Amino acid sequence: MADLLLSALVPIVVKKSGDLLAQRISEMWGMVDLSKRLEDKLLEVQDVLTDAEERGNTKPSVRSWLTKLKSAAIDADDILDKYRRQDAVRRGHKIGNTHHS
């Protein structure tokens, strides 16, 4: 996953978080709007990241920030995978590992 662009990783995290949040929140509180707002914000962030990745080629400070943000996005992706696996086990389903290492 080291060569994966951050702007390519964000949609993966958006999809996973949106799917999980929509399902769980709607089950618990019926608050699908919260999930939609999160998805919308993450998609806005993706546009900024695309621009930042272009600037990161010439600006070391932007490149450093992107490296830290990419690490956080990978951690979020891993947490969502773990949560999805745990949720599937609780529900009695078996799913594959989708880790991107």
C-alpha atoms as a PDB file:
ATOM      1  CA  MET A   1       0.000   0.000   0.000  1.00  0.00           C
ATOM      2  CA  ALA A   2       3.037   2.256   0.274  1.00  0.00           C
ATOM      3  CA  ASP A   3       2.751   3.258  -3.377  1.00  0.00           C
ATOM      4  CA  LEU A   4      -1.005   3.928  -3.180  1.00  0.00           C
ATOM      5  CA  LEU A   5      -1.822   7.609  -3.583  1.00  0.00           C
ATOM      6  CA  LEU A   6      -3.678   9.140  -0.688  1.00  0.00           C
ATOM      7  CA  SER A   7      -6.370  10.447  -3.028  1.00  0.00           C
ATOM      8  CA  ALA A   8      -6.950   6.846  -4.136  1.00  0.00           C
ATOM      9  CA  LEU A   9      -7.157   5.610  -0.533  1.00  0.00           C
ATOM     10  CA  VAL A  10      -9.739   8.163   0.601  1.00  0.00           C
ATOM     11  CA  PRO A  11     -12.575   6.728  -1.547  1.00  0.00           C
ATOM     12  CA  ILE A  12     -11.884   3.289  -0.067  1.00  0.00           C
ATOM     13  CA  VAL A  13     -12.154   4.686   3.464  1.00  0.00           C
ATOM     14  CA  VAL A  14     -15.222   6.728   2.472  1.00  0.00           C
ATOM     15  CA  LYS A  15     -16.948   3.638   1.112  1.00  0.00           C
ATOM     16  CA  LYS A  16     -16.126   1.485   4.117  1.00  0.00           C
ATOM     17  CA  SER A  17     -16.989   4.126   6.685  1.00  0.00           C
ATOM     18  CA  GLY A  18     -20.133   5.135   4.840  1.00  0.00           C
ATOM     19  CA  ASP A  19     -21.359   1.564   4.527  1.00  0.00           C
ATOM     20  CA  LEU A  20     -20.607   0.711   8.131  1.00  0.00           C
ATOM     21  CA  LEU A  21     -21.884   3.947   9.595  1.00  0.00           C
ATOM     22  CA  ALA A  22     -25.048   3.961   7.547  1.00  0.00           C
ATOM     23  CA  GLN A  23     -25.868   0.427   8.581  1.00  0.00           C
ATOM     24  CA  ARG A  24     -25.000   0.745  12.252  1.00  0.00           C
ATOM     25  CA  ILE A  25     -26.322   4.259  12.817  1.00  0.00           C
ATOM     26  CA  SER A  26     -29.564   3.565  11.043  1.00  0.00           C
ATOM     27  CA  GLU A  27     -29.938   0.426  13.145  1.00  0.00           C
ATOM     28  CA  MET A  28     -29.180   2.238  16.383  1.00  0.00           C
ATOM     29  CA  TRP A  29     -30.674   5.704  15.899  1.00  0.00           C
ATOM     30  CA  GLY A  30     -32.071   5.975  12.436  1.00  0.00           C
ATOM     31  CA  MET A  31     -29.556   8.732  11.647  1.00  0.00           C
ATOM     32  CA  VAL A  32     -28.627   8.041   8.043  1.00  0.00           C
ATOM     33  CA  ASP A  33     -28.087  11.800   7.508  1.00  0.00           C
ATOM     34  CA  LEU A  34     -24.999  11.707   9.747  1.00  0.00           C
ATOM     35  CA  SER A  35     -23.405   9.066   7.557  1.00  0.00           C
ATOM     36  CA  LYS A  36     -24.248  11.027   4.414  1.00  0.00           C
ATOM     37  CA  ARG A  37     -22.717  14.213   5.850  1.00  0.00           C
ATOM     38  CA  LEU A  38     -19.532  12.320   6.738  1.00  0.00           C
ATOM     39  CA  GLU A  39     -19.351  10.861   3.254  1.00  0.00           C
ATOM     40  CA  ASP A  40     -19.871  14.319   1.695  1.00  0.00           C
ATOM     41  CA  LYS A  41     -17.110  15.845   3.838  1.00  0.00           C
ATOM     42  CA  LEU A  42     -14.674  13.066   3.037  1.00  0.00           C
ATOM     43  CA  LEU A  43     -15.338  13.527  -0.668  1.00  0.00           C
ATOM     44  CA  GLU A  44     -14.610  17.260  -0.282  1.00  0.00           C
ATOM     45  CA  VAL A  45     -11.357  16.351   1.449  1.00  0.00           C
ATOM     46  CA  GLN A  46     -10.490  14.117  -1.491  1.00  0.00           C
ATOM     47  CA  ASP A  47     -10.525  17.146  -3.823  1.00  0.00           C
ATOM     48  CA  VAL A  48      -8.121  19.002  -1.529  1.00  0.00           C
ATOM     49  CA  LEU A  49      -5.871  15.952  -1.332  1.00  0.00           C
ATOM     50  CA  THR A  50      -5.668  15.655  -5.093  1.00  0.00           C
ATOM     51  CA  ASP A  51      -4.431  19.251  -5.278  1.00  0.00           C
ATOM     52  CA  ALA A  52      -2.050  18.723  -2.352  1.00  0.00           C
ATOM     53  CA  GLU A  53      -0.543  15.635  -3.976  1.00  0.00           C
ATOM     54  CA  GLU A  54       0.251  17.703  -7.052  1.00  0.00           C
ATOM     55  CA  ARG A  55       1.856  20.402  -4.882  1.00  0.00           C
ATOM     56  CA  GLY A  56       3.694  17.798  -2.812  1.00  0.00           C
ATOM     57  CA  ASN A  57       5.962  17.121  -5.762  1.00  0.00           C
ATOM     58  CA  THR A  58       7.560  20.548  -5.284  1.00  0.00           C
ATOM     59  CA  LYS A  59       6.888  21.493  -1.645  1.00  0.00           C
ATOM     60  CA  PRO A  60       8.532  19.400   1.100  1.00  0.00           C
ATOM     61  CA  SER A  61       6.150  20.683   3.798  1.00  0.00           C
ATOM     62  CA  VAL A  62       3.136  19.524   1.797  1.00  0.00           C
ATOM     63  CA  ARG A  63       4.832  16.177   1.125  1.00  0.00           C
ATOM     64  CA  SER A  64       5.448  15.738   4.883  1.00  0.00           C
ATOM     65  CA  TRP A  65       1.832  16.590   5.712  1.00  0.00           C
ATOM     66  CA  LEU A  66       0.591  14.124   3.093  1.00  0.00           C
ATOM     67  CA  THR A  67       2.800  11.375   4.522  1.00  0.00           C
ATOM     68  CA  LYS A  68       1.301  11.888   7.991  1.00  0.00           C
ATOM     69  CA  LEU A  69      -2.216  12.078   6.617  1.00  0.00           C
ATOM     70  CA  LYS A  70      -1.687   8.948   4.540  1.00  0.00           C
ATOM     71  CA  SER A  71      -0.585   7.089   7.664  1.00  0.00           C
ATOM     72  CA  ALA A  72      -3.750   8.214   9.450  1.00  0.00           C
ATOM     73  CA  ALA A  73      -5.901   7.148   6.479  1.00  0.00           C
ATOM     74  CA  ILE A  74      -4.258   3.716   6.429  1.00  0.00           C
ATOM     75  CA  ASP A  75      -4.912   3.392  10.180  1.00  0.00           C
ATOM     76  CA  ALA A  76      -8.562   4.374   9.639  1.00  0.00           C
ATOM     77  CA  ASP A  77      -8.848   1.807   6.855  1.00  0.00           C
ATOM     78  CA  ASP A  78      -7.376  -0.889   9.114  1.00  0.00           C
ATOM     79  CA  ILE A  79      -9.738   0.050  11.969  1.00  0.00           C
ATOM     80  CA  LEU A  80     -12.741  -0.128   9.655  1.00  0.00           C
ATOM     81  CA  ASP A  81     -11.613  -3.534   8.381  1.00  0.00           C
ATOM     82  CA  LYS A  82     -11.222  -4.780  11.951  1.00  0.00           C
ATOM     83  CA  TYR A  83     -14.616  -3.409  12.949  1.00  0.00           C
ATOM     84  CA  ARG A  84     -16.240  -4.981   9.884  1.00  0.00           C
ATOM     85  CA  ARG A  85     -14.699  -8.365  10.704  1.00  0.00           C
ATOM     86  CA  GLN A  86     -15.800  -8.143  14.338  1.00  0.00           C
ATOM     87  CA  ASP A  87     -19.287  -7.076  13.304  1.00  0.00           C
ATOM     88  CA  ALA A  88     -19.512  -9.982  10.847  1.00  0.00           C
ATOM     89  CA  VAL A  89     -18.436 -12.444  13.552  1.00  0.00           C
ATOM     90  CA  ARG A  90     -21.088 -11.020  15.892  1.00  0.00           C
ATOM     91  CA  ARG A  91     -23.646 -11.488  13.155  1.00  0.00           C
ATOM     92  CA  GLY A  92     -22.399 -15.000  12.390  1.00  0.00           C
ATOM     93  CA  HIS A  93     -20.845 -14.245   8.988  1.00  0.00           C
ATOM     94  CA  LYS A  94     -17.384 -14.956   7.690  1.00  0.00           C
ATOM     95  CA  ILE A  95     -15.633 -12.367   5.523  1.00  0.00           C
ATOM     96  CA  GLY A  96     -12.244 -12.127   3.889  1.00  0.00           C
ATOM     97  CA  ASN A  97      -9.422  -9.845   4.909  1.00  0.00           C
ATOM     98  CA  THR A  98      -9.343  -6.713   2.747  1.00  0.00           C
ATOM     99  CA  HIS A  99      -6.102  -5.306   4.188  1.00  0.00           C
ATOM    100  CA  HIS A 100      -4.098  -3.449   1.555  1.00  0.00           C
ATOM    101  CA  SER A 101      -0.554  -4.119   2.754  1.00  0.00           C
END
